[in-house]
């Protein structure tokens, strides 16, 4: 046997062993997983950071907002609910967060799926977000008021709707194997987005074909997590605002948002999530220039942190 033949035999054997090893490694992942089920009865803490950039029709970034929500989640075993506490809410420009909102400090609430008797999404009280002010007693702008409210909707949509099992239709419990994909029950749903005196009735957000994909298994926060990808499809919206009774501003547009969720396989709590949304809007005004076109980018990062990290951020 010459050296060349011997070398080929050795290489073939190594490739065969490598293939057998890979097949053995992948085998544990080729099985069914249970992604639904109740969350562990332990207090959780989250930091939710949202960056909003507004561009004009020329592509110039003309406005940036940054918000940060610090949230505590306490499971109420006897009620099968979770009590949420907004420890603090900060808002600022670019990478600066000079303001916090006293009214939201230690505000406690419980959500409900769908709408309450007042038509409020997830049962979140609209009156809390009326005419918000910072710690210097300066009023937030109308759009900032809505951004603050929308932060809570974003968090709960990601962590309590997309990441949780819903009996009403297809949801995370229907994802059994890596690669499974479903059209989520929230697909094509139309949600009212009116908010007190800031945003009038008739305002809505309509989802496109919302899908949920079981992408794989990941390690996050030192925990084994299911990596879930969600995508809104082609969504649309209309917002009607009346800064004063005789003046109406109407905003219409399209939206496409997507992101990933890392859900702990054991505790069932979300450990990390993100969202990217691309929005095209046309604003109709009762005065010149009458129509304004803009592009909005939103980026959200949700992090599950421990109590020590939360306290170090808030109190230091």
Protein backbone atom coordinates (compact mmCIF):
# COMPACT_ATOMS: atom_id res chain seq x y z
CA UNK A 1 0.00 0.00 0.00
CA UNK A 2 1.53 3.31 -1.06
CA UNK A 3 1.47 6.45 1.09
CA UNK A 4 -1.23 8.14 -1.01
CA UNK A 5 -3.65 5.21 -0.64
CA UNK A 6 -2.95 5.00 3.11
CA UNK A 7 -3.59 8.73 3.51
CA UNK A 8 -6.95 8.45 1.69
CA UNK A 9 -8.06 5.57 3.94
CA UNK A 10 -7.19 7.57 7.08
CA UNK A 11 -9.04 10.67 5.81
CA UNK A 12 -12.12 8.63 4.86
CA UNK A 13 -12.19 7.14 8.34
CA UNK A 14 -11.94 10.57 9.95
CA UNK A 15 -14.80 11.93 7.81
CA UNK A 16 -16.94 8.90 8.73
CA UNK A 17 -16.25 9.37 12.45
CA UNK A 18 -16.98 13.10 12.18
CA UNK A 19 -20.28 12.38 10.46
CA UNK A 20 -21.24 9.82 13.10
CA UNK A 21 -20.29 12.29 15.84
CA UNK A 22 -22.34 15.13 14.30
CA UNK A 23 -25.34 12.85 13.88
CA UNK A 24 -25.03 11.83 17.53
CA UNK A 25 -24.78 15.49 18.64
CA UNK A 26 -27.82 16.57 16.63
CA UNK A 27 -30.00 13.67 17.71
CA UNK A 28 -31.08 15.25 21.08
CA UNK A 29 -32.45 18.26 19.19
CA UNK A 30 -34.55 16.15 16.83
CA UNK A 31 -37.37 15.72 19.33
CA UNK A 32 -40.51 17.43 20.55
CA UNK A 33 -40.34 20.30 23.05
CA UNK A 34 -43.02 21.80 25.26
CA UNK A 35 -42.86 25.59 24.95
CA UNK A 36 -46.16 26.30 26.69
CA UNK A 37 -46.97 25.69 30.32
CA UNK A 38 -47.15 28.00 33.35
CA UNK A 39 -44.33 30.32 34.30
CA UNK A 40 -42.33 29.61 37.44
CA UNK A 41 -43.75 31.37 40.51
CA UNK A 42 -40.75 33.65 41.01
CA UNK A 43 -40.40 37.44 40.86
CA UNK A 44 -38.81 38.70 37.63
CA UNK A 45 -37.24 42.03 36.66
CA UNK A 46 -37.00 43.52 33.19
CA UNK A 47 -35.34 46.52 31.57
CA UNK A 48 -37.01 47.60 28.32
CA UNK A 49 -35.10 50.08 26.15
CA UNK A 50 -36.67 51.63 23.05
CA UNK A 51 -34.89 53.78 20.47
CA UNK A 52 -37.02 55.75 18.02
CA UNK A 53 -35.59 57.54 14.98
CA UNK A 54 -37.67 59.73 12.65
CA UNK A 55 -36.39 60.45 9.13
CA UNK A 56 -37.80 62.93 6.63
CA UNK A 57 -38.51 62.17 2.98
CA UNK A 58 -34.83 62.87 2.16
CA UNK A 59 -33.67 60.20 4.58
CA UNK A 60 -32.32 62.72 7.10
CA UNK A 61 -32.73 61.75 10.77
CA UNK A 62 -34.56 64.71 12.24
CA UNK A 63 -35.69 63.37 15.61
CA UNK A 64 -34.58 60.74 18.10
CA UNK A 65 -36.20 59.53 21.30
CA UNK A 66 -34.97 57.07 23.87
CA UNK A 67 -37.14 55.47 26.56
CA UNK A 68 -36.31 53.01 29.30
CA UNK A 69 -38.82 51.06 31.39
CA UNK A 70 -37.86 49.25 34.60
CA UNK A 71 -40.45 46.59 35.37
CA UNK A 72 -41.06 44.17 38.24
CA UNK A 73 -43.27 41.10 37.73
CA UNK A 74 -44.82 39.33 40.73
CA UNK A 75 -46.80 36.12 40.10
CA UNK A 76 -50.07 35.94 42.07
CA UNK A 77 -50.55 32.21 42.43
CA UNK A 78 -54.03 32.36 43.94
CA UNK A 79 -55.34 34.49 41.06
CA UNK A 80 -53.25 32.91 38.28
CA UNK A 81 -52.18 36.43 37.32
CA UNK A 82 -49.05 38.55 37.32
CA UNK A 83 -48.84 41.89 39.07
CA UNK A 84 -46.62 44.35 37.21
CA UNK A 85 -44.93 47.35 38.82
CA UNK A 86 -43.31 50.12 36.81
CA UNK A 87 -40.37 50.84 39.10
CA UNK A 88 -39.39 53.79 36.92
CA UNK A 89 -39.86 55.16 33.41
CA UNK A 90 -37.20 57.38 31.79
CA UNK A 91 -37.37 59.35 28.57
CA UNK A 92 -34.82 61.45 26.73
CA UNK A 93 -33.06 62.23 23.46
CA UNK A 94 -30.46 60.10 21.70
CA UNK A 95 -28.28 58.48 24.38
CA UNK A 96 -29.35 60.80 27.18
CA UNK A 97 -32.07 60.01 29.73
CA UNK A 98 -32.42 63.22 31.78
CA UNK A 99 -36.11 62.81 32.60
CA UNK A 100 -38.23 60.40 34.54
CA UNK A 101 -42.02 60.39 34.93
CA UNK A 102 -43.15 60.66 38.59
CA UNK A 103 -46.71 59.48 37.88
CA UNK A 104 -45.45 56.12 36.62
CA UNK A 105 -43.01 55.55 39.48
CA UNK A 106 -44.17 52.40 41.35
CA UNK A 107 -47.40 52.27 39.33
CA UNK A 108 -48.88 48.77 39.74
CA UNK A 109 -51.29 47.04 37.35
CA UNK A 110 -52.55 43.67 36.12
CA UNK A 111 -53.20 42.91 32.46
CA UNK A 112 -56.00 40.91 30.88
CA UNK A 113 -56.01 39.33 27.44
CA UNK A 114 -58.00 41.21 24.80
CA UNK A 115 -59.87 44.33 25.90
CA UNK A 116 -61.57 45.34 29.12
CA UNK A 117 -65.09 46.79 29.48
CA UNK A 118 -63.74 50.24 28.48
CA UNK A 119 -62.19 48.90 25.30
CA UNK A 120 -58.66 49.30 26.68
CA UNK A 121 -56.10 46.92 25.13
CA UNK A 122 -54.85 44.36 27.67
CA UNK A 123 -56.83 46.25 30.30
CA UNK A 124 -54.11 48.89 30.65
CA UNK A 125 -55.62 52.04 32.14
CA UNK A 126 -55.53 54.91 29.63
CA UNK A 127 -56.02 57.64 32.20
CA UNK A 128 -52.55 57.00 33.65
CA UNK A 129 -51.03 58.32 30.41
CA UNK A 130 -53.02 61.55 30.21
CA UNK A 131 -50.87 64.71 30.17
CA UNK A 132 -47.71 63.13 31.53
CA UNK A 133 -45.00 65.36 33.04
CA UNK A 134 -41.36 64.83 33.92
CA UNK A 135 -39.79 65.43 37.33
CA UNK A 136 -39.32 69.10 36.42
CA UNK A 137 -43.08 69.47 35.90
CA UNK A 138 -42.58 69.84 32.15
CA UNK A 139 -45.33 68.32 30.00
CA UNK A 140 -44.44 65.61 27.53
CA UNK A 141 -45.40 66.20 23.92
CA UNK A 142 -48.41 64.42 22.47
CA UNK A 143 -46.31 61.90 20.59
CA UNK A 144 -44.12 61.26 23.65
CA UNK A 145 -47.24 60.48 25.70
CA UNK A 146 -48.16 57.84 23.16
CA UNK A 147 -44.61 56.43 22.95
CA UNK A 148 -44.68 55.89 26.73
CA UNK A 149 -48.02 54.06 26.59
CA UNK A 150 -46.90 52.02 23.60
CA UNK A 151 -43.83 50.77 25.48
CA UNK A 152 -46.11 48.81 27.82
CA UNK A 153 -48.07 47.39 24.88
CA UNK A 154 -44.82 46.34 23.20
CA UNK A 155 -43.52 44.54 26.27
CA UNK A 156 -46.74 42.63 26.92
CA UNK A 157 -47.31 41.82 23.23
CA UNK A 158 -43.87 40.21 23.06
CA UNK A 159 -43.69 38.56 26.50
CA UNK A 160 -47.37 37.79 27.23
CA UNK A 161 -48.83 37.22 23.75
CA UNK A 162 -46.12 35.93 21.39
CA UNK A 163 -44.15 34.05 24.07
CA UNK A 164 -47.13 32.54 25.90
CA UNK A 165 -49.61 29.78 25.11
CA UNK A 166 -53.00 31.16 24.06
CA UNK A 167 -56.02 28.88 23.90
CA UNK A 168 -57.77 31.13 21.35
CA UNK A 169 -55.70 29.85 18.44
CA UNK A 170 -52.22 29.08 17.11
CA UNK A 171 -49.49 30.20 19.49
CA UNK A 172 -46.22 29.06 21.02
CA UNK A 173 -47.65 25.78 22.35
CA UNK A 174 -48.07 24.61 18.73
CA UNK A 175 -44.32 24.80 18.07
CA UNK A 176 -43.07 21.32 18.92
CA UNK A 177 -39.89 20.89 16.90
CA UNK A 178 -37.11 23.18 15.76
CA UNK A 179 -38.17 24.58 12.40
CA UNK A 180 -41.90 24.53 13.18
CA UNK A 181 -43.75 27.65 12.06
CA UNK A 182 -47.34 28.80 12.62
CA UNK A 183 -49.51 31.69 11.58
CA UNK A 184 -50.16 33.24 14.99
CA UNK A 185 -53.72 33.83 16.19
CA UNK A 186 -52.95 37.59 16.22
CA UNK A 187 -52.60 37.55 12.41
CA UNK A 188 -54.77 40.13 10.63
CA UNK A 189 -56.17 41.38 13.95
CA UNK A 190 -57.19 45.02 14.19
CA UNK A 191 -56.44 46.69 17.52
CA UNK A 192 -57.83 50.06 18.65
CA UNK A 193 -55.02 52.46 19.55
CA UNK A 194 -57.02 55.45 20.78
CA UNK A 195 -55.62 56.90 23.98
CA UNK A 196 -57.76 59.33 25.98
CA UNK A 197 -57.68 62.87 24.61
CA UNK A 198 -54.32 62.27 22.88
CA UNK A 199 -55.43 59.83 20.19
CA UNK A 200 -59.10 59.73 19.13
CA UNK A 201 -61.45 56.80 18.53
CA UNK A 202 -61.21 55.44 15.00
CA UNK A 203 -57.46 55.01 15.41
CA UNK A 204 -56.28 51.45 14.86
CA UNK A 205 -53.33 49.17 14.13
CA UNK A 206 -53.92 46.17 11.86
CA UNK A 207 -51.47 43.28 11.82
CA UNK A 208 -50.49 41.45 8.68
CA UNK A 209 -49.90 37.70 8.59
CA UNK A 210 -48.16 37.33 11.94
CA UNK A 211 -45.93 34.24 12.04
CA UNK A 212 -44.05 32.54 14.86
CA UNK A 213 -41.02 30.33 14.14
CA UNK A 214 -39.15 27.94 16.45
CA UNK A 215 -35.61 28.85 15.33
CA UNK A 216 -33.56 26.73 17.69
CA UNK A 217 -32.03 26.37 21.15
CA UNK A 218 -29.78 29.02 22.68
CA UNK A 219 -28.07 29.80 25.99
CA UNK A 220 -29.06 33.18 27.44
CA UNK A 221 -28.64 34.41 31.02
CA UNK A 222 -26.97 31.05 31.70
CA UNK A 223 -30.26 29.34 30.88
CA UNK A 224 -31.26 27.03 28.05
CA UNK A 225 -33.77 28.93 25.94
CA UNK A 226 -36.01 28.35 22.96
CA UNK A 227 -35.23 30.93 20.29
CA UNK A 228 -38.47 32.15 18.71
CA UNK A 229 -38.72 34.44 15.69
CA UNK A 230 -41.83 36.51 15.10
CA UNK A 231 -42.79 38.59 12.07
CA UNK A 232 -45.81 40.88 11.67
CA UNK A 233 -46.11 40.69 7.90
CA UNK A 234 -47.52 43.74 6.11
CA UNK A 235 -49.26 45.81 8.79
CA UNK A 236 -51.07 49.15 8.57
CA UNK A 237 -52.45 51.80 10.89
CA UNK A 238 -54.38 55.05 11.24
CA UNK A 239 -54.08 57.56 14.07
CA UNK A 240 -56.38 60.53 14.57
CA UNK A 241 -55.14 63.26 16.91
CA UNK A 242 -56.88 66.44 18.04
CA UNK A 243 -54.44 68.76 19.83
CA UNK A 244 -57.40 71.16 20.19
CA UNK A 245 -61.08 70.33 19.46
CA UNK A 246 -61.24 72.18 16.15
CA UNK A 247 -57.94 70.82 14.76
CA UNK A 248 -57.57 67.25 13.49
CA UNK A 249 -54.30 65.58 12.50
CA UNK A 250 -54.55 62.26 10.72
CA UNK A 251 -51.61 59.86 10.33
CA UNK A 252 -51.79 56.78 8.08
CA UNK A 253 -49.09 54.38 7.11
CA UNK A 254 -47.62 50.91 6.91
CA UNK A 255 -45.53 48.97 9.39
CA UNK A 256 -43.38 45.87 9.41
CA UNK A 257 -41.97 44.63 12.72
CA UNK A 258 -40.02 41.51 13.60
CA UNK A 259 -37.72 40.14 16.26
CA UNK A 260 -36.49 37.26 18.37
CA UNK A 261 -37.57 35.97 21.77
CA UNK A 262 -35.40 33.83 24.05
CA UNK A 263 -37.70 31.85 26.36
CA UNK A 264 -36.31 29.81 29.25
CA UNK A 265 -37.22 26.16 28.65
CA UNK A 266 -37.52 25.48 32.39
CA UNK A 267 -38.99 28.60 34.05
CA UNK A 268 -40.93 29.64 30.89
CA UNK A 269 -39.96 33.29 31.51
CA UNK A 270 -38.56 35.38 28.65
CA UNK A 271 -34.87 36.03 29.22
CA UNK A 272 -34.25 38.36 26.30
CA UNK A 273 -36.16 39.74 23.33
CA UNK A 274 -35.80 42.34 20.64
CA UNK A 275 -37.92 44.11 18.06
CA UNK A 276 -37.16 46.08 14.94
CA UNK A 277 -39.93 48.02 13.25
CA UNK A 278 -39.87 49.99 10.01
CA UNK A 279 -42.75 52.46 9.59
CA UNK A 280 -43.73 54.70 6.67
CA UNK A 281 -46.20 57.48 7.49
CA UNK A 282 -48.17 60.26 5.84
CA UNK A 283 -49.46 63.00 8.14
CA UNK A 284 -52.34 65.18 6.97
CA UNK A 285 -52.53 68.64 8.56
CA UNK A 286 -55.29 71.29 8.34
CA UNK A 287 -52.63 73.92 7.52
CA UNK A 288 -49.71 74.09 5.04
CA UNK A 289 -47.72 72.04 4.15
CA UNK A 290 -50.88 69.86 4.57
CA UNK A 291 -49.02 66.57 4.07
CA UNK A 292 -45.78 65.37 5.63
CA UNK A 293 -44.13 62.07 4.77
CA UNK A 294 -41.69 60.43 7.15
CA UNK A 295 -40.00 57.16 8.01
CA UNK A 296 -39.75 55.85 11.56
CA UNK A 297 -37.40 53.18 12.86
CA UNK A 298 -37.99 51.57 16.25
CA UNK A 299 -35.58 49.26 18.05
CA UNK A 300 -36.51 47.55 21.31
CA UNK A 301 -34.36 45.48 23.62
CA UNK A 302 -35.89 43.57 26.54
CA UNK A 303 -33.57 42.10 29.16
CA UNK A 304 -34.42 39.89 32.10
CA UNK A 305 -32.15 40.97 34.99
CA UNK A 306 -31.76 39.99 38.63
CA UNK A 307 -32.80 42.20 41.54
CA UNK A 308 -29.22 43.24 42.28
CA UNK A 309 -28.65 44.52 38.74
CA UNK A 310 -32.01 46.31 38.76
CA UNK A 311 -31.21 48.06 42.03
CA UNK A 312 -27.74 49.05 40.85
CA UNK A 313 -29.22 50.71 37.76
CA UNK A 314 -32.09 52.48 39.52
CA UNK A 315 -30.49 53.64 42.72
CA UNK A 316 -26.88 54.34 41.75
